[in-house]
Amino acid sequence: MEKILLISFEYPTGKAYCGGVGQIVERSRNALVALGYEVYVLISSEFTRKHPVKLLLPDDSLKNYRSLGAFLKDYGWHKFATIIHHFVNWTGELKRLKTGKGRRPRIIYHFHSILRREKDSGLRTLNHFLLRQEKMIALADRIVCPSLYEYDNFCRYFPSFIDKVSVIENTIETYSPDKRRIEEIKEKLGIRQRDVVSLCVGRLEKYKRVDLLIRAFRRVVKRVPGAQMLVIGDGAYRNELLRLVGRLKLENHVRFLGFVPRMKLLELYAKASLFVLPSRYEAFSISLVEAMASGLPVIATRVGGMTELIESAKCGFLIDDPPNECALAVPILSILENAYTSRMMGLRGRNYAFSHFSWDRTTRDLLRIYESCKAG
């Protein structure tokens, strides 16, 4: 049985919010296991040799290691084909194994060519970051980007390695909500169509611009007094957002739900009227596609992979970046006050999500790249 090691900075444990990368790792693992692979997952919040790591074994048990070095001593990467999710600065380990006897394929999956923090830190920091990435790219067999936007970025910054790069769009567990069940949920909670206006799902970090959405929501409430906004997720920016809600006197309209389990999240999608994501940067956005699959019209900034999703599906509004609160409030009100437009956008988004995002196809594409690495 072939062994595959997935490496990530996050993985769902049920105890804390897990972002899109962690969800992709979990579903990749499940799909590979179903195909007969022996899959291990190495999880570390800090990718340094001395930082503690966790290893998820095929039997679902967790082993704790005081460092990457301790893990390598026990297992060694030579036993595994390795799929690295996101950017991991383990250049030394990859270099040591690049030419080793019996070397297995090394794939960087869910690759972001520029991380927002480095991009915002100035040219010197950006150049340093790109140099580190280039070293990793040189040592990997293949690079997989999650969107055409990231593919274009890769080709722009790393033209010497274009022959290594492929695109596999992120995908989701498509969800087909039962209409009767949705109405039962709404009736039980006393929710009318207009009452739950907006879902915002993700880490509460500054680049998500939830603060701007809250300010825009103040305008929405003036026209739709029963409107609510549900903010799902957690992060370092939460307390500042809570203070903003207090200053704007929106305590009865903006609710912070923190991390919610998967099935509860699907129910919240079913209750909502629309989904808004005014991020400054998104390579793809799992939550956006989940909202589309749930039949919600969506609003997002014209950045990253969100642009190609919404333009292709014709399922919502794109706001020019950077947006202002008025630019966000106008499409929210447009969706709320035009039932036909809302319904058609939601239907188009749902159809697009179900026809374009399949774990079977994603897994086949990944394994095709994996097999080509072994053959090459």
Protein backbone atom coordinates (compact mmCIF):
# COMPACT_ATOMS: atom_id res chain seq x y z
CA MET A 1 0.00 0.00 0.00
CA GLU A 2 1.42 3.36 -1.02
CA LYS A 3 1.96 5.90 1.74
CA ILE A 4 1.14 9.57 1.30
CA LEU A 5 2.01 12.35 3.75
CA LEU A 6 -0.16 15.48 3.69
CA ILE A 7 1.39 18.54 5.37
CA SER A 8 -0.68 21.50 6.54
CA PHE A 9 -0.74 24.34 9.05
CA GLU A 10 -4.33 23.45 10.03
CA TYR A 11 -6.70 20.51 10.18
CA PRO A 12 -10.28 20.25 11.51
CA THR A 13 -10.42 18.90 15.05
CA GLY A 14 -13.94 19.99 15.99
CA LYS A 15 -12.60 22.26 18.74
CA ALA A 16 -11.68 25.37 16.79
CA TYR A 17 -12.49 27.11 13.54
CA CYS A 18 -10.67 25.61 10.59
CA GLY A 19 -10.19 27.55 7.36
CA GLY A 20 -10.34 26.45 3.75
CA VAL A 21 -6.91 24.82 3.62
CA GLY A 22 -7.71 22.54 6.57
CA GLN A 23 -10.99 21.52 4.98
CA ILE A 24 -9.24 20.70 1.71
CA VAL A 25 -6.66 18.58 3.57
CA GLU A 26 -9.38 16.65 5.40
CA ARG A 27 -11.32 15.92 2.22
CA SER A 28 -8.16 15.06 0.29
CA ARG A 29 -7.29 12.59 3.00
CA ASN A 30 -10.72 10.98 2.95
CA ALA A 31 -10.71 10.71 -0.84
CA LEU A 32 -7.23 9.16 -0.95
CA VAL A 33 -8.07 6.68 1.82
CA ALA A 34 -11.18 5.62 -0.10
CA LEU A 35 -8.91 4.83 -3.07
CA GLY A 36 -6.71 2.56 -0.97
CA TYR A 37 -3.80 4.83 0.01
CA GLU A 38 -2.30 4.86 3.49
CA VAL A 39 -2.51 8.54 4.42
CA TYR A 40 -0.74 10.41 7.22
CA VAL A 41 -1.30 14.10 8.02
CA LEU A 42 1.44 16.26 9.55
CA ILE A 43 0.03 19.40 11.22
CA SER A 44 2.04 22.36 12.43
CA SER A 45 0.99 25.95 13.06
CA GLU A 46 4.61 27.05 12.57
CA PHE A 47 6.71 25.48 9.85
CA THR A 48 10.09 25.34 11.54
CA ARG A 49 12.18 22.35 12.38
CA LYS A 50 12.06 23.06 16.13
CA HIS A 51 8.32 23.73 16.47
CA PRO A 52 5.98 21.00 17.86
CA VAL A 53 4.01 19.05 15.27
CA LYS A 54 1.15 16.57 15.32
CA LEU A 55 0.86 13.48 13.17
CA LEU A 56 -2.58 12.12 12.31
CA LEU A 57 -2.21 8.38 11.70
CA PRO A 58 -4.34 6.27 9.34
CA ASP A 59 -6.30 4.91 12.34
CA ASP A 60 -7.37 8.50 13.24
CA SER A 61 -5.14 8.65 16.32
CA LEU A 62 -2.83 11.64 16.92
CA LYS A 63 0.86 11.49 17.83
CA ASN A 64 2.57 14.56 19.26
CA TYR A 65 6.19 15.36 18.40
CA ARG A 66 8.28 18.01 20.04
CA SER A 67 9.68 19.03 16.64
CA LEU A 68 9.84 18.22 12.95
CA GLY A 69 13.25 16.69 13.59
CA ALA A 70 11.73 14.20 16.05
CA PHE A 71 9.15 13.18 13.47
CA LEU A 72 11.80 12.74 10.78
CA LYS A 73 13.84 10.56 13.14
CA ASP A 74 10.84 8.27 13.70
CA TYR A 75 9.50 8.14 10.15
CA GLY A 76 11.71 9.94 7.63
CA TRP A 77 10.19 11.48 4.54
CA HIS A 78 11.71 8.84 2.29
CA LYS A 79 8.80 6.54 3.16
CA PHE A 80 6.14 8.91 1.82
CA ALA A 81 5.00 10.65 -1.29
CA THR A 82 4.54 14.17 0.10
CA ILE A 83 1.79 16.66 -0.69
CA ILE A 84 2.42 20.02 0.95
CA HIS A 85 -0.64 22.22 1.35
CA HIS A 86 0.08 25.93 1.08
CA PHE A 87 3.62 27.32 1.45
CA VAL A 88 5.94 25.51 3.84
CA ASN A 89 9.49 26.72 4.41
CA TRP A 90 11.11 23.32 4.79
CA THR A 91 13.64 23.86 2.03
CA GLY A 92 16.42 22.04 3.87
CA GLU A 93 14.44 18.83 4.28
CA LEU A 94 13.25 18.82 0.67
CA LYS A 95 16.78 19.52 -0.56
CA ARG A 96 18.17 16.63 1.44
CA LEU A 97 15.58 14.24 -0.01
CA LYS A 98 15.54 15.65 -3.54
CA THR A 99 18.20 13.28 -4.82
CA GLY A 100 17.91 10.55 -2.21
CA LYS A 101 17.65 6.89 -3.12
CA GLY A 102 14.05 5.84 -3.73
CA ARG A 103 12.85 9.43 -3.60
CA ARG A 104 9.06 9.81 -3.75
CA PRO A 105 7.07 12.59 -5.46
CA ARG A 106 6.92 16.01 -3.78
CA ILE A 107 3.90 18.14 -4.68
CA ILE A 108 3.02 21.61 -3.36
CA TYR A 109 -0.77 21.77 -3.40
CA HIS A 110 -3.04 24.77 -2.76
CA PHE A 111 -0.10 27.02 -3.60
CA HIS A 112 -0.37 30.79 -3.10
CA SER A 113 2.26 32.64 -5.09
CA ILE A 114 1.94 35.79 -2.95
CA LEU A 115 0.65 35.83 0.61
CA ARG A 116 -1.23 38.99 1.52
CA ARG A 117 0.96 39.80 4.53
CA GLU A 118 4.15 39.77 2.48
CA LYS A 119 2.53 41.73 -0.32
CA ASP A 120 1.51 44.43 2.13
CA SER A 121 4.87 44.61 3.89
CA GLY A 122 6.80 46.41 1.18
CA LEU A 123 9.01 45.49 -1.75
CA ARG A 124 11.99 44.32 0.32
CA THR A 125 9.91 41.84 2.31
CA LEU A 126 8.08 40.70 -0.81
CA ASN A 127 11.31 40.00 -2.67
CA HIS A 128 12.66 38.02 0.28
CA PHE A 129 9.46 35.98 0.41
CA LEU A 130 9.53 35.28 -3.33
CA LEU A 131 13.15 34.13 -3.07
CA ARG A 132 12.21 31.64 -0.34
CA GLN A 133 9.30 30.40 -2.43
CA GLU A 134 11.51 30.01 -5.47
CA LYS A 135 13.83 27.69 -3.53
CA MET A 136 10.88 25.51 -2.55
CA ILE A 137 9.51 25.47 -6.09
CA ALA A 138 12.86 24.36 -7.45
CA LEU A 139 12.84 21.35 -5.11
CA ALA A 140 9.24 20.28 -5.72
CA ASP A 141 8.18 18.04 -8.60
CA ARG A 142 4.88 19.79 -9.26
CA ILE A 143 3.01 22.89 -8.09
CA VAL A 144 -0.80 22.98 -7.96
CA CYS A 145 -2.65 26.33 -7.81
CA PRO A 146 -6.28 26.53 -6.59
CA SER A 147 -7.46 29.06 -9.18
CA LEU A 148 -6.59 30.66 -12.51
CA TYR A 149 -5.82 33.85 -10.61
CA GLU A 150 -3.08 32.09 -8.64
CA TYR A 151 -1.83 30.37 -11.79
CA ASP A 152 -1.40 33.78 -13.46
CA ASN A 153 0.45 35.05 -10.39
CA PHE A 154 2.74 32.04 -10.46
CA CYS A 155 3.57 32.52 -14.13
CA ARG A 156 4.26 36.20 -13.50
CA TYR A 157 6.67 35.72 -10.60
CA PHE A 158 8.20 32.33 -11.45
CA PRO A 159 8.37 32.13 -15.27
CA SER A 160 11.26 29.65 -15.16
CA PHE A 161 9.02 27.00 -13.60
CA ILE A 162 5.89 27.23 -15.74
CA ASP A 163 6.36 23.62 -16.85
CA LYS A 164 5.82 22.51 -13.24
CA VAL A 165 2.52 24.27 -12.52
CA SER A 166 -1.06 23.01 -12.86
CA VAL A 167 -4.49 24.22 -11.73
CA ILE A 168 -6.90 22.15 -9.64
CA GLU A 169 -9.73 24.28 -8.32
CA ASN A 170 -10.69 23.78 -4.71
CA THR A 171 -13.94 21.96 -4.24
CA ILE A 172 -16.57 21.43 -1.59
CA GLU A 173 -18.98 18.89 -0.24
CA THR A 174 -21.97 20.00 -2.29
CA TYR A 175 -25.08 20.44 -0.23
CA SER A 176 -28.64 20.16 -1.48
CA PRO A 177 -30.87 21.65 1.23
CA ASP A 178 -34.37 20.28 1.55
CA LYS A 179 -36.79 23.19 0.99
CA ARG A 180 -39.29 21.89 3.54
CA ARG A 181 -36.52 21.56 6.13
CA ILE A 182 -35.40 25.14 5.45
CA GLU A 183 -38.90 26.47 5.98
CA GLU A 184 -39.22 24.46 9.20
CA ILE A 185 -36.00 25.99 10.51
CA LYS A 186 -37.11 29.51 9.62
CA GLU A 187 -40.56 29.02 11.18
CA LYS A 188 -39.09 27.55 14.37
CA LEU A 189 -36.78 30.53 14.81
CA GLY A 190 -39.37 33.10 13.73
CA ILE A 191 -37.27 34.12 10.74
CA ARG A 192 -38.85 35.88 7.77
CA GLN A 193 -37.12 36.08 4.39
CA ARG A 194 -35.63 39.48 5.19
CA ASP A 195 -34.64 38.80 8.77
CA VAL A 196 -31.39 36.93 8.20
CA VAL A 197 -29.69 39.13 5.69
CA SER A 198 -26.05 38.28 5.52
CA LEU A 199 -23.67 35.49 6.31
CA CYS A 200 -19.97 36.20 6.68
CA VAL A 201 -17.87 33.05 7.14
CA GLY A 202 -14.15 32.91 7.80
CA ARG A 203 -11.31 33.89 10.07
CA LEU A 204 -11.81 37.22 11.77
CA GLU A 205 -8.70 38.89 10.43
CA LYS A 206 -8.30 42.44 9.22
CA TYR A 207 -7.94 41.53 5.54
CA LYS A 208 -11.47 40.04 5.55
CA ARG A 209 -12.83 43.59 6.08
CA VAL A 210 -15.76 42.53 8.25
CA ASP A 211 -15.53 45.99 9.84
CA LEU A 212 -16.46 47.57 6.51
CA LEU A 213 -19.37 45.16 6.15
CA ILE A 214 -20.62 46.10 9.62
CA ARG A 215 -20.55 49.79 8.69
CA ALA A 216 -22.42 49.03 5.48
CA PHE A 217 -24.93 47.03 7.45
CA ARG A 218 -25.88 50.13 9.43
CA ARG A 219 -27.26 51.54 6.17
CA VAL A 220 -29.11 48.30 5.44
CA VAL A 221 -30.83 48.31 8.85
CA LYS A 222 -32.27 51.78 8.17
CA ARG A 223 -34.18 50.33 5.19
CA VAL A 224 -34.77 46.82 6.60
CA PRO A 225 -35.24 47.22 10.37
CA GLY A 226 -35.49 43.46 11.01
CA ALA A 227 -32.21 42.66 9.27
CA GLN A 228 -29.54 40.54 10.94
CA MET A 229 -25.97 39.72 10.06
CA LEU A 230 -24.43 36.44 11.22
CA VAL A 231 -20.64 36.40 11.54
CA ILE A 232 -19.26 32.85 11.66
CA GLY A 233 -15.66 32.18 12.63
CA ASP A 234 -13.13 33.49 15.08
CA GLY A 235 -9.81 35.28 15.17
CA ALA A 236 -7.66 38.03 16.62
CA TYR A 237 -9.88 40.78 15.19
CA ARG A 238 -13.04 39.63 17.00
CA ASN A 239 -12.84 42.01 20.00
CA GLU A 240 -12.29 45.03 17.79
CA LEU A 241 -15.31 44.08 15.70
CA LEU A 242 -17.43 43.66 18.83
CA ARG A 243 -16.46 47.15 19.95
CA LEU A 244 -17.39 48.53 16.53
CA VAL A 245 -20.83 46.91 16.74
CA GLY A 246 -21.29 48.56 20.14
CA ARG A 247 -20.28 51.99 18.88
CA LEU A 248 -22.71 51.73 15.97
CA LYS A 249 -25.50 50.43 18.26
CA LEU A 250 -26.00 47.31 16.12
CA GLU A 251 -26.03 44.79 18.98
CA ASN A 252 -29.54 43.62 18.03
CA HIS A 253 -28.60 43.16 14.39
CA VAL A 254 -25.06 41.69 14.25
CA ARG A 255 -24.45 38.34 15.91
CA PHE A 256 -21.05 36.66 16.35
CA LEU A 257 -21.49 32.89 16.41
CA GLY A 258 -17.81 31.89 16.56
CA PHE A 259 -16.89 28.44 15.33
CA VAL A 260 -19.88 26.24 14.45
CA PRO A 261 -19.90 22.52 13.56
CA ARG A 262 -20.24 21.54 9.93
CA MET A 263 -23.92 20.54 9.97
CA LYS A 264 -24.88 23.67 11.88
CA LEU A 265 -23.04 25.75 9.29
CA LEU A 266 -25.03 24.11 6.50
CA GLU A 267 -28.25 24.97 8.33
CA LEU A 268 -27.13 28.59 8.64
CA TYR A 269 -26.49 28.73 4.91
CA ALA A 270 -30.01 27.41 4.42
CA LYS A 271 -31.51 30.15 6.61
CA ALA A 272 -29.65 33.06 5.04
CA SER A 273 -30.78 35.43 2.33
CA LEU A 274 -27.33 36.19 0.91
CA PHE A 275 -23.61 35.84 1.51
CA VAL A 276 -21.10 38.70 1.60
CA LEU A 277 -17.30 38.50 1.51
CA PRO A 278 -15.53 41.88 1.12
CA SER A 279 -12.01 40.44 1.53
CA ARG A 280 -8.91 42.22 0.35
CA TYR A 281 -7.50 38.92 -0.89
CA GLU A 282 -8.87 35.43 -1.59
CA ALA A 283 -7.17 32.81 -3.71
CA PHE A 284 -10.43 30.94 -4.15
CA SER A 285 -12.80 30.99 -1.09
CA ILE A 286 -14.36 27.73 0.00
CA SER A 287 -17.09 29.59 1.91
CA LEU A 288 -18.12 31.48 -1.23
CA VAL A 289 -18.64 28.24 -3.16
CA GLU A 290 -20.49 26.67 -0.21
CA ALA A 291 -22.85 29.65 -0.24
CA MET A 292 -23.36 29.22 -3.98
CA ALA A 293 -24.08 25.50 -3.51
CA SER A 294 -26.69 26.41 -0.89
CA GLY A 295 -28.51 28.62 -3.39
CA LEU A 296 -27.49 32.00 -1.98
CA PRO A 297 -26.80 35.08 -4.09
CA VAL A 298 -23.31 36.32 -3.24
CA ILE A 299 -21.50 39.65 -2.99
CA ALA A 300 -17.71 39.90 -3.00
CA THR A 301 -14.88 42.24 -3.87
CA ARG A 302 -13.36 41.99 -7.33
CA VAL A 303 -10.16 40.33 -6.13
CA GLY A 304 -8.40 36.99 -6.51
CA GLY A 305 -10.27 33.84 -7.41
CA MET A 306 -13.64 35.27 -6.36
CA THR A 307 -13.82 37.27 -9.57
CA GLU A 308 -13.68 34.25 -11.86
CA LEU A 309 -16.21 32.36 -9.72
CA ILE A 310 -18.91 35.04 -9.68
CA GLU A 311 -18.38 36.14 -13.29
CA SER A 312 -18.57 32.54 -14.52
CA ALA A 313 -21.65 31.64 -12.47
CA LYS A 314 -23.42 35.04 -12.79
CA CYS A 315 -24.65 34.47 -9.26
CA GLY A 316 -24.11 37.81 -7.54
CA PHE A 317 -22.40 41.17 -7.45
CA LEU A 318 -18.71 42.05 -7.62
CA ILE A 319 -17.65 45.26 -5.87
CA ASP A 320 -14.64 47.21 -7.10
CA ASP A 321 -11.69 47.11 -4.73
CA PRO A 322 -11.28 48.87 -2.39
CA PRO A 323 -14.99 49.13 -1.61
CA ASN A 324 -16.75 51.63 0.64
CA GLU A 325 -19.74 51.05 2.89
CA CYS A 326 -22.18 52.52 0.38
CA ALA A 327 -20.85 50.23 -2.39
CA LEU A 328 -21.52 47.24 -0.13
CA ALA A 329 -24.92 48.36 1.12
CA VAL A 330 -26.40 48.98 -2.35
CA PRO A 331 -26.17 45.38 -3.69
CA ILE A 332 -27.30 43.95 -0.32
CA LEU A 333 -30.45 46.05 -0.51
CA SER A 334 -30.87 45.24 -4.20
CA ILE A 335 -30.95 41.51 -3.44
CA LEU A 336 -33.26 41.92 -0.46
CA GLU A 337 -35.72 44.09 -2.33
CA ASN A 338 -35.83 42.11 -5.58
CA ALA A 339 -37.01 38.55 -4.93
CA TYR A 340 -36.77 37.51 -8.59
CA THR A 341 -33.16 38.68 -8.95
CA SER A 342 -32.23 36.98 -5.69
CA ARG A 343 -33.85 33.71 -6.71
CA MET A 344 -32.24 33.63 -10.18
CA MET A 345 -28.77 34.45 -8.83
CA GLY A 346 -29.10 31.74 -6.21
CA LEU A 347 -30.27 29.18 -8.76
CA ARG A 348 -27.41 29.97 -11.16
CA GLY A 349 -24.85 29.77 -8.35
CA ARG A 350 -26.16 26.46 -7.11
CA ASN A 351 -26.20 24.93 -10.59
CA TYR A 352 -22.65 26.14 -11.22
CA ALA A 353 -21.36 24.76 -7.90
CA PHE A 354 -22.92 21.34 -8.45
CA SER A 355 -21.69 21.07 -12.05
CA HIS A 356 -18.11 22.33 -11.49
CA PHE A 357 -17.01 21.10 -8.07
CA SER A 358 -16.70 17.38 -7.53
CA TRP A 359 -14.35 15.55 -5.19
CA ASP A 360 -14.17 12.66 -7.64
CA ARG A 361 -12.82 14.96 -10.35
CA THR A 362 -10.46 16.78 -7.97
CA THR A 363 -9.02 13.52 -6.66
CA ARG A 364 -8.58 12.15 -10.18
CA ASP A 365 -6.72 15.29 -11.22
CA LEU A 366 -4.44 15.14 -8.18
CA LEU A 367 -3.67 11.46 -8.70
CA ARG A 368 -2.96 12.08 -12.38
CA ILE A 369 -0.34 14.66 -11.35
CA TYR A 370 0.98 12.25 -8.70
CA GLU A 371 1.35 9.42 -11.23
CA SER A 372 3.09 11.74 -13.72
CA CYS A 373 5.61 12.66 -11.00
CA LYS A 374 6.35 8.98 -10.38
CA ALA A 375 6.72 8.31 -14.10
CA GLY A 376 8.99 11.33 -14.57
